[in-house]
C-alpha atoms as a PDB file:
ATOM      1  CA  MET A   1      79.197 162.982 211.642  1.00  0.00           C
ATOM      2  CA  GLN A   2      82.440 161.577 209.697  1.00  0.00           C
ATOM      3  CA  LEU A   3      81.617 158.735 207.850  1.00  0.00           C
ATOM      4  CA  HIS A   4      84.427 155.870 207.429  1.00  0.00           C
ATOM      5  CA  ASP A   5      85.649 154.902 203.720  1.00  0.00           C
ATOM      6  CA  THR A   6      83.631 152.104 202.970  1.00  0.00           C
ATOM      7  CA  THR A   7      86.222 150.531 200.561  1.00  0.00           C
ATOM      8  CA  ILE A   8      88.598 149.960 203.514  1.00  0.00           C
ATOM      9  CA  PRO A   9      88.221 147.258 205.804  1.00  0.00           C
ATOM     10  CA  LEU A  10      86.844 147.934 209.541  1.00  0.00           C
ATOM     11  CA  SER A  11      89.546 145.738 210.887  1.00  0.00           C
ATOM     12  CA  GLU A  12      92.403 147.440 208.987  1.00  0.00           C
ATOM     13  CA  THR A  13      91.429 151.013 210.257  1.00  0.00           C
ATOM     14  CA  LEU A  14      91.530 149.939 213.448  1.00  0.00           C
ATOM     15  CA  THR A  15      94.436 147.727 213.379  1.00  0.00           C
ATOM     16  CA  ARG A  16      96.619 150.759 212.109  1.00  0.00           C
ATOM     17  CA  THR A  17      94.830 152.746 215.209  1.00  0.00           C
ATOM     18  CA  ILE A  18      96.014 150.046 217.522  1.00  0.00           C
ATOM     19  CA  ASP A  19      99.810 149.887 216.257  1.00  0.00           C
ATOM     20  CA  GLY A  20     100.266 153.437 217.087  1.00  0.00           C
ATOM     21  CA  ILE A  21      99.065 153.073 220.449  1.00  0.00           C
ATOM     22  CA  GLN A  22     102.686 153.674 222.302  1.00  0.00           C
ATOM     23  CA  GLY A  23     104.051 153.838 226.044  1.00  0.00           C
ATOM     24  CA  GLU A  24     102.972 151.793 229.003  1.00  0.00           C
ATOM     25  CA  THR A  25      99.643 153.542 229.518  1.00  0.00           C
ATOM     26  CA  VAL A  26      97.445 155.206 227.316  1.00  0.00           C
ATOM     27  CA  THR A  27      94.160 157.452 227.795  1.00  0.00           C
ATOM     28  CA  LEU A  28      91.054 158.041 226.001  1.00  0.00           C
ATOM     29  CA  ARG A  29      92.124 161.416 224.947  1.00  0.00           C
ATOM     30  CA  GLU A  30      95.143 159.933 223.275  1.00  0.00           C
ATOM     31  CA  LEU A  31      93.172 157.547 221.466  1.00  0.00           C
ATOM     32  CA  MET A  32      90.856 160.298 220.103  1.00  0.00           C
ATOM     33  CA  ALA A  33      93.617 162.038 219.046  1.00  0.00           C
ATOM     34  CA  ALA A  34      94.722 158.948 217.266  1.00  0.00           C
ATOM     35  CA  ILE A  35      91.498 158.435 215.358  1.00  0.00           C
ATOM     36  CA  GLY A  36      91.264 161.850 214.573  1.00  0.00           C
ATOM     37  CA  GLU A  37      88.816 162.681 211.424  1.00  0.00           C
ATOM     38  CA  GLN A  38      88.002 159.125 211.304  1.00  0.00           C
ATOM     39  CA  GLY A  39      85.385 160.303 214.208  1.00  0.00           C
ATOM     40  CA  LEU A  40      82.940 159.250 216.666  1.00  0.00           C
ATOM     41  CA  LEU A  41      82.040 155.725 215.479  1.00  0.00           C
ATOM     42  CA  MET A  42      85.500 154.663 215.041  1.00  0.00           C
ATOM     43  CA  LEU A  43      86.154 155.448 218.623  1.00  0.00           C
ATOM     44  CA  CYS A  44      82.856 153.725 219.568  1.00  0.00           C
ATOM     45  CA  ALA A  45      83.958 150.774 217.543  1.00  0.00           C
ATOM     46  CA  VAL A  46      87.557 150.948 219.152  1.00  0.00           C
ATOM     47  CA  ALA A  47      85.661 151.122 222.778  1.00  0.00           C
ATOM     48  CA  THR A  48      84.172 147.859 222.168  1.00  0.00           C
ATOM     49  CA  LEU A  49      86.628 145.668 221.342  1.00  0.00           C
ATOM     50  CA  PRO A  50      87.974 144.877 224.906  1.00  0.00           C
ATOM     51  CA  PHE A  51      84.657 143.623 225.786  1.00  0.00           C
ATOM     52  CA  LEU A  52      84.206 140.798 223.234  1.00  0.00           C
ATOM     53  CA  ILE A  53      86.772 138.801 225.289  1.00  0.00           C
ATOM     54  CA  PRO A  54      85.146 137.727 228.671  1.00  0.00           C
ATOM     55  CA  VAL A  55      88.131 138.995 230.517  1.00  0.00           C
ATOM     56  CA  SER A  56      88.127 142.019 232.827  1.00  0.00           C
ATOM     57  CA  ILE A  57      90.648 144.483 232.232  1.00  0.00           C
ATOM     58  CA  PRO A  58      91.008 146.943 235.092  1.00  0.00           C
ATOM     59  CA  GLY A  59      89.451 150.644 234.567  1.00  0.00           C
ATOM     60  CA  VAL A  60      88.311 149.947 230.897  1.00  0.00           C
ATOM     61  CA  SER A  61      84.732 148.974 231.866  1.00  0.00           C
ATOM     62  CA  THR A  62      84.592 152.336 233.413  1.00  0.00           C
ATOM     63  CA  VAL A  63      86.288 154.478 230.763  1.00  0.00           C
ATOM     64  CA  PHE A  64      85.035 152.562 227.650  1.00  0.00           C
ATOM     65  CA  GLY A  65      81.676 152.231 228.682  1.00  0.00           C
ATOM     66  CA  ALA A  66      81.184 155.910 229.752  1.00  0.00           C
ATOM     67  CA  ALA A  67      82.666 156.815 226.362  1.00  0.00           C
ATOM     68  CA  ILE A  68      80.051 154.765 224.254  1.00  0.00           C
ATOM     69  CA  VAL A  69      77.389 156.166 226.122  1.00  0.00           C
ATOM     70  CA  LEU A  70      78.985 160.110 225.841  1.00  0.00           C
ATOM     71  CA  LEU A  71      79.688 159.401 222.092  1.00  0.00           C
ATOM     72  CA  ALA A  72      76.370 158.147 221.488  1.00  0.00           C
ATOM     73  CA  ILE A  73      74.771 161.237 222.853  1.00  0.00           C
ATOM     74  CA  ALA A  74      76.961 163.127 220.269  1.00  0.00           C
ATOM     75  CA  VAL A  75      76.015 160.831 217.472  1.00  0.00           C
ATOM     76  CA  THR A  76      72.064 161.242 218.442  1.00  0.00           C
ATOM     77  CA  LEU A  77      72.732 164.951 218.863  1.00  0.00           C
ATOM     78  CA  ASN A  78      75.252 165.273 215.821  1.00  0.00           C
ATOM     79  CA  ARG A  79      77.898 167.344 217.752  1.00  0.00           C
ATOM     80  CA  MET A  80      81.033 167.011 219.191  1.00  0.00           C
ATOM     81  CA  PRO A  81      81.263 164.708 222.563  1.00  0.00           C
ATOM     82  CA  TRP A  82      81.636 166.532 225.893  1.00  0.00           C
ATOM     83  CA  MET A  83      83.608 164.351 228.292  1.00  0.00           C
ATOM     84  CA  PRO A  84      84.778 164.744 231.810  1.00  0.00           C
ATOM     85  CA  LYS A  85      88.298 165.189 232.497  1.00  0.00           C
ATOM     86  CA  ARG A  86      88.555 162.024 234.729  1.00  0.00           C
ATOM     87  CA  ILE A  87      87.455 159.663 231.854  1.00  0.00           C
ATOM     88  CA  LEU A  88      89.666 161.566 229.556  1.00  0.00           C
ATOM     89  CA  ASP A  89      92.525 161.196 231.354  1.00  0.00           C
ATOM     90  CA  ARG A  90      92.090 157.758 233.228  1.00  0.00           C
ATOM     91  CA  GLU A  91      95.503 155.944 232.370  1.00  0.00           C
ATOM     92  CA  LEU A  92      94.892 152.396 230.926  1.00  0.00           C
ATOM     93  CA  SER A  93      97.747 149.725 231.058  1.00  0.00           C
ATOM     94  CA  THR A  94      98.756 149.296 227.245  1.00  0.00           C
ATOM     95  CA  ALA A  95     100.167 145.632 228.476  1.00  0.00           C
ATOM     96  CA  SER A  96      96.472 144.400 229.151  1.00  0.00           C
ATOM     97  CA  LEU A  97      94.797 146.727 226.747  1.00  0.00           C
ATOM     98  CA  VAL A  98      96.575 146.418 223.434  1.00  0.00           C
ATOM     99  CA  PRO A  99      95.790 142.238 223.554  1.00  0.00           C
ATOM    100  CA  ALA A 100      92.394 142.541 223.770  1.00  0.00           C
ATOM    101  CA  LEU A 101      92.165 144.940 221.414  1.00  0.00           C
ATOM    102  CA  ARG A 102      94.080 142.916 218.438  1.00  0.00           C
ATOM    103  CA  LYS A 103      91.599 139.997 219.656  1.00  0.00           C
ATOM    104  CA  GLY A 104      88.603 142.276 219.147  1.00  0.00           C
ATOM    105  CA  VAL A 105      90.031 142.999 215.618  1.00  0.00           C
ATOM    106  CA  ARG A 106      90.535 139.424 214.729  1.00  0.00           C
ATOM    107  CA  ILE A 107      86.538 138.937 215.452  1.00  0.00           C
ATOM    108  CA  VAL A 108      85.926 142.339 213.384  1.00  0.00           C
ATOM    109  CA  SER A 109      87.910 141.065 210.454  1.00  0.00           C
ATOM    110  CA  ARG A 110      86.027 137.928 210.240  1.00  0.00           C
ATOM    111  CA  ILE A 111      82.772 140.232 210.081  1.00  0.00           C
ATOM    112  CA  ASP A 112      84.309 142.480 207.101  1.00  0.00           C
ATOM    113  CA  THR A 113      83.912 139.878 204.442  1.00  0.00           C
ATOM    114  CA  TRP A 114      80.352 140.035 205.011  1.00  0.00           C
ATOM    115  CA  VAL A 115      79.909 144.056 204.913  1.00  0.00           C
ATOM    116  CA  LYS A 116      79.247 145.895 201.978  1.00  0.00           C
ATOM    117  CA  PRO A 117      76.874 149.351 201.623  1.00  0.00           C
ATOM    118  CA  ARG A 118      73.230 148.209 201.316  1.00  0.00           C
ATOM    119  CA  ALA A 119      69.830 149.343 202.651  1.00  0.00           C
ATOM    120  CA  LEU A 120      71.769 152.912 203.061  1.00  0.00           C
ATOM    121  CA  PHE A 121      68.099 154.504 204.373  1.00  0.00           C
ATOM    122  CA  LEU A 122      68.934 152.819 207.515  1.00  0.00           C
ATOM    123  CA  SER A 123      72.383 154.583 207.952  1.00  0.00           C
ATOM    124  CA  ASP A 124      71.330 158.056 206.498  1.00  0.00           C
ATOM    125  CA  GLY A 125      69.630 161.080 207.718  1.00  0.00           C
ATOM    126  CA  HIS A 126      66.924 160.603 210.213  1.00  0.00           C
ATOM    127  CA  MET A 127      67.881 156.935 211.163  1.00  0.00           C
ATOM    128  CA  ALA A 128      71.137 158.309 211.908  1.00  0.00           C
ATOM    129  CA  ARG A 129      69.805 159.949 215.028  1.00  0.00           C
ATOM    130  CA  PHE A 130      67.671 157.129 216.023  1.00  0.00           C
ATOM    131  CA  ASN A 131      70.593 154.762 215.774  1.00  0.00           C
ATOM    132  CA  GLY A 132      72.494 157.052 218.340  1.00  0.00           C
ATOM    133  CA  MET A 133      69.662 156.482 220.630  1.00  0.00           C
ATOM    134  CA  VAL A 134      70.068 152.600 220.166  1.00  0.00           C
ATOM    135  CA  LEU A 135      73.748 153.057 220.601  1.00  0.00           C
ATOM    136  CA  LEU A 136      72.797 155.097 223.745  1.00  0.00           C
ATOM    137  CA  PHE A 137      70.809 152.576 225.227  1.00  0.00           C
ATOM    138  CA  GLY A 138      73.244 149.963 224.730  1.00  0.00           C
ATOM    139  CA  GLY A 139      75.996 151.914 226.290  1.00  0.00           C
ATOM    140  CA  VAL A 140      73.890 151.911 229.199  1.00  0.00           C
ATOM    141  CA  LEU A 141      73.085 148.054 229.246  1.00  0.00           C
ATOM    142  CA  LEU A 142      76.885 147.843 229.067  1.00  0.00           C
ATOM    143  CA  MET A 143      77.584 150.101 232.028  1.00  0.00           C
ATOM    144  CA  ALA A 144      74.884 148.431 234.264  1.00  0.00           C
ATOM    145  CA  PRO A 145      75.914 146.508 237.342  1.00  0.00           C
ATOM    146  CA  PHE A 146      74.993 143.323 236.438  1.00  0.00           C
ATOM    147  CA  GLY A 147      78.493 141.740 237.455  1.00  0.00           C
ATOM    148  CA  PHE A 148      76.634 138.483 238.656  1.00  0.00           C
ATOM    149  CA  VAL A 149      75.146 138.075 234.857  1.00  0.00           C
ATOM    150  CA  PRO A 150      77.690 135.865 232.871  1.00  0.00           C
ATOM    151  CA  PHE A 151      78.917 137.859 229.666  1.00  0.00           C
ATOM    152  CA  SER A 152      76.887 140.981 231.065  1.00  0.00           C
ATOM    153  CA  ASN A 153      79.424 143.602 229.155  1.00  0.00           C
ATOM    154  CA  THR A 154      80.326 141.225 226.082  1.00  0.00           C
ATOM    155  CA  ALA A 155      76.411 140.773 225.004  1.00  0.00           C
ATOM    156  CA  PRO A 156      75.830 144.814 224.727  1.00  0.00           C
ATOM    157  CA  ALA A 157      79.030 145.236 223.183  1.00  0.00           C
ATOM    158  CA  VAL A 158      78.295 142.782 220.441  1.00  0.00           C
ATOM    159  CA  GLY A 159      74.949 144.707 219.705  1.00  0.00           C
ATOM    160  CA  ILE A 160      76.907 148.378 219.633  1.00  0.00           C
ATOM    161  CA  LEU A 161      79.786 146.965 217.503  1.00  0.00           C
ATOM    162  CA  LEU A 162      77.290 145.329 214.891  1.00  0.00           C
ATOM    163  CA  LEU A 163      75.102 148.857 214.814  1.00  0.00           C
ATOM    164  CA  THR A 164      78.689 150.863 214.446  1.00  0.00           C
ATOM    165  CA  ILE A 165      79.725 148.762 211.917  1.00  0.00           C
ATOM    166  CA  GLY A 166      76.407 149.032 210.147  1.00  0.00           C
ATOM    167  CA  MET A 167      76.720 152.866 210.385  1.00  0.00           C
ATOM    168  CA  LEU A 168      80.272 153.130 209.582  1.00  0.00           C
ATOM    169  CA  GLN A 169      80.092 150.871 206.586  1.00  0.00           C
ATOM    170  CA  ARG A 170      76.498 152.169 205.262  1.00  0.00           C
ATOM    171  CA  ASP A 171      75.524 148.372 205.773  1.00  0.00           C
ATOM    172  CA  GLY A 172      71.886 148.487 206.441  1.00  0.00           C
ATOM    173  CA  LEU A 173      71.693 144.762 207.167  1.00  0.00           C
ATOM    174  CA  PHE A 174      74.232 145.184 210.122  1.00  0.00           C
ATOM    175  CA  VAL A 175      72.385 148.099 211.278  1.00  0.00           C
ATOM    176  CA  LEU A 176      69.555 145.792 211.513  1.00  0.00           C
ATOM    177  CA  LEU A 177      71.581 143.139 213.517  1.00  0.00           C
ATOM    178  CA  GLY A 178      73.139 145.881 215.784  1.00  0.00           C
ATOM    179  CA  TYR A 179      69.271 146.417 216.873  1.00  0.00           C
ATOM    180  CA  LEU A 180      68.632 142.650 217.134  1.00  0.00           C
ATOM    181  CA  GLY A 181      71.648 142.051 219.598  1.00  0.00           C
ATOM    182  CA  THR A 182      70.582 145.151 221.578  1.00  0.00           C
ATOM    183  CA  ILE A 183      66.860 143.426 222.003  1.00  0.00           C
ATOM    184  CA  LEU A 184      68.353 139.727 222.437  1.00  0.00           C
ATOM    185  CA  THR A 185      70.658 141.439 225.235  1.00  0.00           C
ATOM    186  CA  VAL A 186      67.551 142.941 226.984  1.00  0.00           C
ATOM    187  CA  VAL A 187      65.807 139.572 227.044  1.00  0.00           C
ATOM    188  CA  TYR A 188      68.580 137.809 228.129  1.00  0.00           C
ATOM    189  CA  PHE A 189      69.209 140.437 231.228  1.00  0.00           C
ATOM    190  CA  THR A 190      65.381 140.257 231.899  1.00  0.00           C
ATOM    191  CA  VAL A 191      65.487 136.108 231.881  1.00  0.00           C
ATOM    192  CA  LEU A 192      68.516 136.136 233.951  1.00  0.00           C
ATOM    193  CA  ILE A 193      67.417 138.593 236.296  1.00  0.00           C
ATOM    194  CA  TYR A 194      63.955 137.281 236.731  1.00  0.00           C
ATOM    195  CA  GLY A 195      65.332 133.763 237.592  1.00  0.00           C
ATOM    196  CA  ALA A 196      67.492 134.940 240.059  1.00  0.00           C
ATOM    197  CA  TRP A 197      64.501 136.990 241.803  1.00  0.00           C
ATOM    198  CA  ARG A 198      62.429 134.054 241.605  1.00  0.00           C
ATOM    199  CA  ALA A 199      65.364 131.642 243.124  1.00  0.00           C
ATOM    200  CA  GLY A 200      65.620 134.229 245.814  1.00  0.00           C
ATOM    201  CA  GLY A 201      61.819 134.449 246.573  1.00  0.00           C
ATOM    202  CA  ALA A 202      61.920 130.477 246.809  1.00  0.00           C
ATOM    203  CA  LEU A 203      64.917 130.237 249.105  1.00  0.00           C
ATOM    204  CA  PHE A 204      63.978 133.124 251.312  1.00  0.00           C
ATOM    205  CA  GLY A 205      60.166 133.218 251.164  1.00  0.00           C
END
């Protein structure tokens, strides 16, 4: 797994990637080619950015959600990801995607000031595989059909992004924050779904 240069702010690298997006549409395959040696985690970070903004962009949820799941599997197994052609070559409108990515980067830039290498054991060795499994779980939560739940995409995306930042920048504190974000997402979904179930039972019971 390719590691990000921890001396370069993540927001700077993400901005360069976004600046390279040209044309009226872009595909996941083109984004992977643009990121190149930055690796799987960098693409995972890019894929979370649109979900940080509570605005729906047609096609993005399916493509980027599936990408995060497949990238997480690749990180867990420490191998290159396999992705179906329909995910790789699905065209996304840059007119709506790029502004969302830039807004996401602005959030990352605020986080950058707090990030530094520490508690390295949480991002190295066997923990990298465990972190990949947490990313996978977060990706599944992101793709879950909870459209009726407010912030159903944003909540898991925050946990995924924090964990990805921790792994890329070798910051164990952000790895832990990623775990916490994922746990809180599960609690959030559970409480709301249970509340909806109880309300439905009271209404029709």
